[in-house]
């Protein structure tokens, strides 16, 4: 039985990932507050550091004597809110966003690597990133900085793992028709019209398409530590 964890699988891209896991024998486990439609659920508020040791212990318990064909963790959880100038948004909301977008991917990614280090089967760690990691959008500082940190963490840890270790990748799915996009279109920030126009002109991809693109990375021979954009998939860097 393959073991597949997906954080934030209760909606959007995460739910689409959980619904389309490409392994017939997979046990799929959602890590989120609400829970999705997968067979397993670890209830955790990943914006709260108090939940991180519990998730790490879960990884360790599940993998301690695991002898299946593969172990995969897709870290998808993140938040665009609060949207607004960093100096003006609610401090508590901003702190939670920084913890969820910047710290949780690194802490949980490290936890999965440590818990699975003894395995001889293929291991995959995929972190969902965004084009906002490279393009500054005023009003998105906690989200964009978080995704930039994801990208460089993946590059660094991928280099540490090398060809014999866990494959570590970051993937930007593009602009996807999710609840996050609805929040973006309803917000007031300088680039909002671009996102409203994308929705009006059919420029959004579907969560199912994004999930298919993310799962397709498992069949590609990408250098460890690659950061890829599904819109330009041939140009990993």
C-alpha atoms as a PDB file:
ATOM      1  CA  UNK A   1       0.000   0.000   0.000  1.00  0.00           C
ATOM      2  CA  UNK A   2       1.331   3.427  -0.995  1.00  0.00           C
ATOM      3  CA  UNK A   3       1.176   6.137   1.663  1.00  0.00           C
ATOM      4  CA  UNK A   4       0.158   9.596   0.420  1.00  0.00           C
ATOM      5  CA  UNK A   5      -0.281  12.667   2.605  1.00  0.00           C
ATOM      6  CA  UNK A   6      -1.840  15.882   1.280  1.00  0.00           C
ATOM      7  CA  UNK A   7      -2.090  18.986   3.425  1.00  0.00           C
ATOM      8  CA  UNK A   8      -5.091  21.212   2.846  1.00  0.00           C
ATOM      9  CA  UNK A   9      -7.091  18.499   1.068  1.00  0.00           C
ATOM     10  CA  UNK A  10     -10.471  19.783   2.251  1.00  0.00           C
ATOM     11  CA  UNK A  11     -11.003  22.052  -0.774  1.00  0.00           C
ATOM     12  CA  UNK A  12      -9.547  23.406  -4.001  1.00  0.00           C
ATOM     13  CA  UNK A  13      -6.356  21.911  -5.403  1.00  0.00           C
ATOM     14  CA  UNK A  14      -5.866  19.768  -2.306  1.00  0.00           C
ATOM     15  CA  UNK A  15      -9.262  18.109  -2.699  1.00  0.00           C
ATOM     16  CA  UNK A  16      -8.575  17.529  -6.401  1.00  0.00           C
ATOM     17  CA  UNK A  17      -5.219  15.957  -5.531  1.00  0.00           C
ATOM     18  CA  UNK A  18      -6.860  13.631  -3.032  1.00  0.00           C
ATOM     19  CA  UNK A  19      -9.493  12.609  -5.562  1.00  0.00           C
ATOM     20  CA  UNK A  20      -6.959  11.752  -8.270  1.00  0.00           C
ATOM     21  CA  UNK A  21      -4.045  10.020  -6.514  1.00  0.00           C
ATOM     22  CA  UNK A  22      -2.506   7.910  -9.302  1.00  0.00           C
ATOM     23  CA  UNK A  23      -1.841   4.790  -7.227  1.00  0.00           C
ATOM     24  CA  UNK A  24      -4.582   2.176  -7.060  1.00  0.00           C
ATOM     25  CA  UNK A  25      -3.286   0.880  -3.734  1.00  0.00           C
ATOM     26  CA  UNK A  26      -2.903   4.257  -2.021  1.00  0.00           C
ATOM     27  CA  UNK A  27      -3.894   5.119   1.508  1.00  0.00           C
ATOM     28  CA  UNK A  28      -4.551   8.872   1.327  1.00  0.00           C
ATOM     29  CA  UNK A  29      -4.351  11.035   4.444  1.00  0.00           C
ATOM     30  CA  UNK A  30      -5.489  14.660   4.584  1.00  0.00           C
ATOM     31  CA  UNK A  31      -3.785  17.048   6.999  1.00  0.00           C
ATOM     32  CA  UNK A  32      -6.106  19.992   7.616  1.00  0.00           C
ATOM     33  CA  UNK A  33      -8.466  21.581  10.099  1.00  0.00           C
ATOM     34  CA  UNK A  34     -11.755  20.538   8.484  1.00  0.00           C
ATOM     35  CA  UNK A  35     -10.967  17.270   6.753  1.00  0.00           C
ATOM     36  CA  UNK A  36     -11.716  16.325   3.184  1.00  0.00           C
ATOM     37  CA  UNK A  37     -13.151  13.296   1.433  1.00  0.00           C
ATOM     38  CA  UNK A  38     -10.080  11.089   1.823  1.00  0.00           C
ATOM     39  CA  UNK A  39     -10.054   7.905   3.868  1.00  0.00           C
ATOM     40  CA  UNK A  40      -7.769   9.347   6.521  1.00  0.00           C
ATOM     41  CA  UNK A  41      -7.623  12.707   8.275  1.00  0.00           C
ATOM     42  CA  UNK A  42      -5.127  14.271  10.649  1.00  0.00           C
ATOM     43  CA  UNK A  43      -6.857  17.228  12.287  1.00  0.00           C
ATOM     44  CA  UNK A  44      -4.320  20.052  12.510  1.00  0.00           C
ATOM     45  CA  UNK A  45      -4.312  23.824  12.285  1.00  0.00           C
ATOM     46  CA  UNK A  46      -1.032  24.239  10.420  1.00  0.00           C
ATOM     47  CA  UNK A  47      -0.907  27.965  11.196  1.00  0.00           C
ATOM     48  CA  UNK A  48      -0.492  26.993  14.856  1.00  0.00           C
ATOM     49  CA  UNK A  49       3.031  25.798  15.751  1.00  0.00           C
ATOM     50  CA  UNK A  50       1.534  23.694  18.550  1.00  0.00           C
ATOM     51  CA  UNK A  51       0.137  21.333  15.888  1.00  0.00           C
ATOM     52  CA  UNK A  52       3.459  20.669  14.155  1.00  0.00           C
ATOM     53  CA  UNK A  53       4.946  18.148  16.654  1.00  0.00           C
ATOM     54  CA  UNK A  54       1.725  16.123  16.459  1.00  0.00           C
ATOM     55  CA  UNK A  55       2.003  15.928  12.652  1.00  0.00           C
ATOM     56  CA  UNK A  56       5.669  14.942  12.951  1.00  0.00           C
ATOM     57  CA  UNK A  57       4.775  12.194  15.407  1.00  0.00           C
ATOM     58  CA  UNK A  58       2.091  10.973  13.005  1.00  0.00           C
ATOM     59  CA  UNK A  59       4.661  10.709  10.191  1.00  0.00           C
ATOM     60  CA  UNK A  60       7.026   8.809  12.481  1.00  0.00           C
ATOM     61  CA  UNK A  61       4.380   6.390  13.690  1.00  0.00           C
ATOM     62  CA  UNK A  62       3.089   5.609  10.199  1.00  0.00           C
ATOM     63  CA  UNK A  63       6.536   5.185   8.656  1.00  0.00           C
ATOM     64  CA  UNK A  64       8.441   3.472  11.462  1.00  0.00           C
ATOM     65  CA  UNK A  65       7.768  -0.031  10.129  1.00  0.00           C
ATOM     66  CA  UNK A  66       6.444   0.859   6.687  1.00  0.00           C
ATOM     67  CA  UNK A  67       7.438  -1.562   3.910  1.00  0.00           C
ATOM     68  CA  UNK A  68       5.206  -0.392   1.045  1.00  0.00           C
ATOM     69  CA  UNK A  69       6.112   0.752  -2.484  1.00  0.00           C
ATOM     70  CA  UNK A  70       6.286   4.539  -1.962  1.00  0.00           C
ATOM     71  CA  UNK A  71       5.755   7.396   0.475  1.00  0.00           C
ATOM     72  CA  UNK A  72       4.561  10.778  -0.799  1.00  0.00           C
ATOM     73  CA  UNK A  73       3.800  14.072   0.921  1.00  0.00           C
ATOM     74  CA  UNK A  74       2.258  16.962  -1.026  1.00  0.00           C
ATOM     75  CA  UNK A  75       2.227  20.132   1.051  1.00  0.00           C
ATOM     76  CA  UNK A  76      -0.540  22.254  -0.441  1.00  0.00           C
ATOM     77  CA  UNK A  77      -1.899  24.216   2.539  1.00  0.00           C
ATOM     78  CA  UNK A  78      -1.513  27.986   2.400  1.00  0.00           C
ATOM     79  CA  UNK A  79      -3.415  31.252   2.607  1.00  0.00           C
ATOM     80  CA  UNK A  80      -3.536  34.485   0.623  1.00  0.00           C
ATOM     81  CA  UNK A  81      -5.127  36.376   3.510  1.00  0.00           C
ATOM     82  CA  UNK A  82      -4.744  38.954   4.822  1.00  0.00           C
ATOM     83  CA  UNK A  83      -4.503  40.976   1.596  1.00  0.00           C
ATOM     84  CA  UNK A  84      -3.316  44.534   2.097  1.00  0.00           C
ATOM     85  CA  UNK A  85      -0.223  46.565   2.951  1.00  0.00           C
ATOM     86  CA  UNK A  86       1.907  44.806   5.546  1.00  0.00           C
ATOM     87  CA  UNK A  87       1.820  47.851   7.813  1.00  0.00           C
ATOM     88  CA  UNK A  88      -1.984  48.007   7.784  1.00  0.00           C
ATOM     89  CA  UNK A  89      -3.378  44.464   8.004  1.00  0.00           C
ATOM     90  CA  UNK A  90      -4.407  42.790  11.256  1.00  0.00           C
ATOM     91  CA  UNK A  91      -1.250  41.725  13.135  1.00  0.00           C
ATOM     92  CA  UNK A  92      -2.694  38.421  14.339  1.00  0.00           C
ATOM     93  CA  UNK A  93      -3.892  37.433  10.868  1.00  0.00           C
ATOM     94  CA  UNK A  94      -0.529  38.394   9.426  1.00  0.00           C
ATOM     95  CA  UNK A  95       1.357  36.294  11.971  1.00  0.00           C
ATOM     96  CA  UNK A  96      -0.803  33.232  11.215  1.00  0.00           C
ATOM     97  CA  UNK A  97      -0.216  33.726   7.479  1.00  0.00           C
ATOM     98  CA  UNK A  98       3.559  33.915   7.945  1.00  0.00           C
ATOM     99  CA  UNK A  99       3.522  30.751  10.053  1.00  0.00           C
ATOM    100  CA  UNK A 100       1.359  28.849   7.561  1.00  0.00           C
ATOM    101  CA  UNK A 101       3.023  30.060   4.358  1.00  0.00           C
ATOM    102  CA  UNK A 102       6.669  30.264   5.424  1.00  0.00           C
ATOM    103  CA  UNK A 103       7.335  28.153   8.498  1.00  0.00           C
ATOM    104  CA  UNK A 104       4.939  25.204   8.173  1.00  0.00           C
ATOM    105  CA  UNK A 105       6.288  24.006   4.794  1.00  0.00           C
ATOM    106  CA  UNK A 106       9.820  23.883   6.156  1.00  0.00           C
ATOM    107  CA  UNK A 107       8.914  22.293   9.485  1.00  0.00           C
ATOM    108  CA  UNK A 108       6.585  19.671   8.024  1.00  0.00           C
ATOM    109  CA  UNK A 109       8.877  19.009   5.066  1.00  0.00           C
ATOM    110  CA  UNK A 110      11.777  18.379   7.437  1.00  0.00           C
ATOM    111  CA  UNK A 111       9.546  16.148   9.561  1.00  0.00           C
ATOM    112  CA  UNK A 112       8.620  13.990   6.564  1.00  0.00           C
ATOM    113  CA  UNK A 113      12.238  13.720   5.441  1.00  0.00           C
ATOM    114  CA  UNK A 114      13.368  12.660   8.914  1.00  0.00           C
ATOM    115  CA  UNK A 115      10.545  10.177   9.448  1.00  0.00           C
ATOM    116  CA  UNK A 116      11.086   8.542   6.058  1.00  0.00           C
ATOM    117  CA  UNK A 117      14.898   8.615   5.945  1.00  0.00           C
ATOM    118  CA  UNK A 118      15.256   4.905   6.731  1.00  0.00           C
ATOM    119  CA  UNK A 119      13.005   3.753   3.887  1.00  0.00           C
ATOM    120  CA  UNK A 120      14.408   2.051   0.795  1.00  0.00           C
ATOM    121  CA  UNK A 121      11.303   2.720  -1.346  1.00  0.00           C
ATOM    122  CA  UNK A 122      10.908   5.878  -3.460  1.00  0.00           C
ATOM    123  CA  UNK A 123      10.064   8.985  -1.431  1.00  0.00           C
ATOM    124  CA  UNK A 124       8.548  12.148  -2.869  1.00  0.00           C
ATOM    125  CA  UNK A 125       8.060  15.540  -1.218  1.00  0.00           C
ATOM    126  CA  UNK A 126       6.191  18.094  -3.330  1.00  0.00           C
ATOM    127  CA  UNK A 127       5.508  21.626  -2.083  1.00  0.00           C
ATOM    128  CA  UNK A 128       2.962  23.822  -3.859  1.00  0.00           C
ATOM    129  CA  UNK A 129       4.372  27.244  -4.689  1.00  0.00           C
ATOM    130  CA  UNK A 130       3.250  30.192  -6.834  1.00  0.00           C
ATOM    131  CA  UNK A 131       4.435  32.606  -9.479  1.00  0.00           C
ATOM    132  CA  UNK A 132       4.028  35.216  -6.736  1.00  0.00           C
ATOM    133  CA  UNK A 133       7.330  33.920  -5.365  1.00  0.00           C
ATOM    134  CA  UNK A 134       9.000  35.771  -8.252  1.00  0.00           C
ATOM    135  CA  UNK A 135       6.551  38.596  -8.985  1.00  0.00           C
ATOM    136  CA  UNK A 136       5.804  41.128  -6.233  1.00  0.00           C
ATOM    137  CA  UNK A 137       2.115  41.958  -5.859  1.00  0.00           C
ATOM    138  CA  UNK A 138       1.599  44.798  -3.373  1.00  0.00           C
ATOM    139  CA  UNK A 139      -0.817  43.505  -0.756  1.00  0.00           C
ATOM    140  CA  UNK A 140       0.427  39.907  -0.905  1.00  0.00           C
ATOM    141  CA  UNK A 141       3.599  40.170   1.192  1.00  0.00           C
ATOM    142  CA  UNK A 142       3.019  37.238   3.570  1.00  0.00           C
ATOM    143  CA  UNK A 143       1.902  34.945   0.737  1.00  0.00           C
ATOM    144  CA  UNK A 144       4.582  35.927  -1.780  1.00  0.00           C
ATOM    145  CA  UNK A 145       7.403  35.814   0.770  1.00  0.00           C
ATOM    146  CA  UNK A 146       6.174  32.441   1.971  1.00  0.00           C
ATOM    147  CA  UNK A 147       6.245  30.994  -1.537  1.00  0.00           C
ATOM    148  CA  UNK A 148       9.697  32.464  -2.173  1.00  0.00           C
ATOM    149  CA  UNK A 149      10.928  30.724   0.972  1.00  0.00           C
ATOM    150  CA  UNK A 150       9.342  27.459  -0.235  1.00  0.00           C
ATOM    151  CA  UNK A 151      11.220  27.708  -3.534  1.00  0.00           C
ATOM    152  CA  UNK A 152      14.615  28.220  -1.988  1.00  0.00           C
ATOM    153  CA  UNK A 153      14.039  25.637   0.727  1.00  0.00           C
ATOM    154  CA  UNK A 154      13.274  23.104  -2.020  1.00  0.00           C
ATOM    155  CA  UNK A 155      16.397  24.028  -3.991  1.00  0.00           C
ATOM    156  CA  UNK A 156      18.571  23.721  -0.898  1.00  0.00           C
ATOM    157  CA  UNK A 157      17.086  20.528   0.516  1.00  0.00           C
ATOM    158  CA  UNK A 158      16.945  18.937  -2.930  1.00  0.00           C
ATOM    159  CA  UNK A 159      20.677  19.516  -3.197  1.00  0.00           C
ATOM    160  CA  UNK A 160      21.143  17.916   0.219  1.00  0.00           C
ATOM    161  CA  UNK A 161      19.129  14.838  -0.754  1.00  0.00           C
ATOM    162  CA  UNK A 162      20.866  14.366  -4.106  1.00  0.00           C
ATOM    163  CA  UNK A 163      20.090  11.496  -6.452  1.00  0.00           C
ATOM    164  CA  UNK A 164      19.806   8.801  -3.784  1.00  0.00           C
ATOM    165  CA  UNK A 165      17.515  10.561  -1.312  1.00  0.00           C
ATOM    166  CA  UNK A 166      13.968  11.801  -1.285  1.00  0.00           C
ATOM    167  CA  UNK A 167      12.979  13.712  -4.413  1.00  0.00           C
ATOM    168  CA  UNK A 168      12.022  17.235  -3.318  1.00  0.00           C
ATOM    169  CA  UNK A 169      10.148  19.473  -5.763  1.00  0.00           C
ATOM    170  CA  UNK A 170       8.183  22.728  -5.775  1.00  0.00           C
ATOM    171  CA  UNK A 171       5.394  23.265  -8.285  1.00  0.00           C
ATOM    172  CA  UNK A 172       3.486  26.416  -9.206  1.00  0.00           C
ATOM    173  CA  UNK A 173       0.095  25.360 -10.614  1.00  0.00           C
ATOM    174  CA  UNK A 174      -0.734  28.688 -12.273  1.00  0.00           C
ATOM    175  CA  UNK A 175      -3.937  30.651 -11.706  1.00  0.00           C
ATOM    176  CA  UNK A 176      -6.540  28.079 -10.634  1.00  0.00           C
ATOM    177  CA  UNK A 177     -10.272  28.506 -10.109  1.00  0.00           C
ATOM    178  CA  UNK A 178     -10.399  27.963  -6.352  1.00  0.00           C
ATOM    179  CA  UNK A 179     -11.802  29.707  -3.301  1.00  0.00           C
ATOM    180  CA  UNK A 180      -8.503  31.559  -2.980  1.00  0.00           C
ATOM    181  CA  UNK A 181      -9.067  33.164  -6.365  1.00  0.00           C
ATOM    182  CA  UNK A 182     -12.536  34.288  -5.266  1.00  0.00           C
ATOM    183  CA  UNK A 183     -10.951  35.973  -2.248  1.00  0.00           C
ATOM    184  CA  UNK A 184      -8.398  37.664  -4.514  1.00  0.00           C
ATOM    185  CA  UNK A 185     -11.055  39.015  -6.897  1.00  0.00           C
ATOM    186  CA  UNK A 186     -13.067  40.439  -3.993  1.00  0.00           C
ATOM    187  CA  UNK A 187     -10.066  42.219  -2.479  1.00  0.00           C
ATOM    188  CA  UNK A 188      -8.759  45.739  -3.017  1.00  0.00           C
ATOM    189  CA  UNK A 189      -5.132  45.765  -4.167  1.00  0.00           C
ATOM    190  CA  UNK A 190      -3.353  47.312  -7.189  1.00  0.00           C
ATOM    191  CA  UNK A 191      -3.323  44.245  -9.490  1.00  0.00           C
ATOM    192  CA  UNK A 192      -6.840  42.981  -8.756  1.00  0.00           C
ATOM    193  CA  UNK A 193      -8.197  43.759 -12.241  1.00  0.00           C
ATOM    194  CA  UNK A 194      -5.771  41.272 -13.785  1.00  0.00           C
ATOM    195  CA  UNK A 195      -7.315  38.454 -11.786  1.00  0.00           C
ATOM    196  CA  UNK A 196     -10.870  39.596 -12.455  1.00  0.00           C
ATOM    197  CA  UNK A 197     -10.122  39.660 -16.166  1.00  0.00           C
ATOM    198  CA  UNK A 198      -8.658  36.141 -16.066  1.00  0.00           C
ATOM    199  CA  UNK A 199     -11.882  34.861 -14.513  1.00  0.00           C
ATOM    200  CA  UNK A 200     -14.071  36.724 -17.019  1.00  0.00           C
ATOM    201  CA  UNK A 201     -12.130  35.530 -20.065  1.00  0.00           C
ATOM    202  CA  UNK A 202     -11.725  31.881 -19.106  1.00  0.00           C
ATOM    203  CA  UNK A 203      -8.086  32.256 -18.133  1.00  0.00           C
ATOM    204  CA  UNK A 204      -8.290  30.090 -15.025  1.00  0.00           C
ATOM    205  CA  UNK A 205      -7.329  26.424 -14.963  1.00  0.00           C
ATOM    206  CA  UNK A 206      -9.392  23.929 -12.992  1.00  0.00           C
ATOM    207  CA  UNK A 207      -8.314  22.240  -9.752  1.00  0.00           C
ATOM    208  CA  UNK A 208      -8.501  18.902 -11.585  1.00  0.00           C
ATOM    209  CA  UNK A 209      -6.088  20.131 -14.257  1.00  0.00           C
ATOM    210  CA  UNK A 210      -3.725  21.463 -11.596  1.00  0.00           C
ATOM    211  CA  UNK A 211      -3.839  18.155  -9.727  1.00  0.00           C
ATOM    212  CA  UNK A 212      -3.137  16.193 -12.914  1.00  0.00           C
ATOM    213  CA  UNK A 213      -0.139  18.404 -13.612  1.00  0.00           C
ATOM    214  CA  UNK A 214       1.214  17.975 -10.102  1.00  0.00           C
ATOM    215  CA  UNK A 215       0.861  14.191 -10.174  1.00  0.00           C
ATOM    216  CA  UNK A 216       2.552  14.102 -13.594  1.00  0.00           C
ATOM    217  CA  UNK A 217       5.768  15.290 -11.937  1.00  0.00           C
ATOM    218  CA  UNK A 218       6.164  11.843 -10.382  1.00  0.00           C
ATOM    219  CA  UNK A 219       6.782  10.399 -13.856  1.00  0.00           C
ATOM    220  CA  UNK A 220       9.342  13.027 -14.908  1.00  0.00           C
ATOM    221  CA  UNK A 221      13.075  12.830 -14.428  1.00  0.00           C
ATOM    222  CA  UNK A 222      13.593  16.209 -12.814  1.00  0.00           C
ATOM    223  CA  UNK A 223      16.760  17.260 -10.983  1.00  0.00           C
ATOM    224  CA  UNK A 224      16.286  17.087  -7.241  1.00  0.00           C
ATOM    225  CA  UNK A 225      15.347  20.508  -5.911  1.00  0.00           C
ATOM    226  CA  UNK A 226      13.585  21.611  -9.096  1.00  0.00           C
ATOM    227  CA  UNK A 227      11.063  24.456  -8.973  1.00  0.00           C
ATOM    228  CA  UNK A 228       8.612  24.071 -11.844  1.00  0.00           C
ATOM    229  CA  UNK A 229       5.653  26.016 -13.189  1.00  0.00           C
ATOM    230  CA  UNK A 230       2.940  23.885 -14.792  1.00  0.00           C
ATOM    231  CA  UNK A 231       2.496  26.589 -17.434  1.00  0.00           C
ATOM    232  CA  UNK A 232       6.122  26.172 -18.570  1.00  0.00           C
ATOM    233  CA  UNK A 233       6.785  22.658 -17.420  1.00  0.00           C
ATOM    234  CA  UNK A 234       9.796  22.074 -19.647  1.00  0.00           C
ATOM    235  CA  UNK A 235      11.841  24.742 -17.861  1.00  0.00           C
ATOM    236  CA  UNK A 236      12.644  23.504 -14.359  1.00  0.00           C
ATOM    237  CA  UNK A 237      15.148  25.624 -12.431  1.00  0.00           C
END
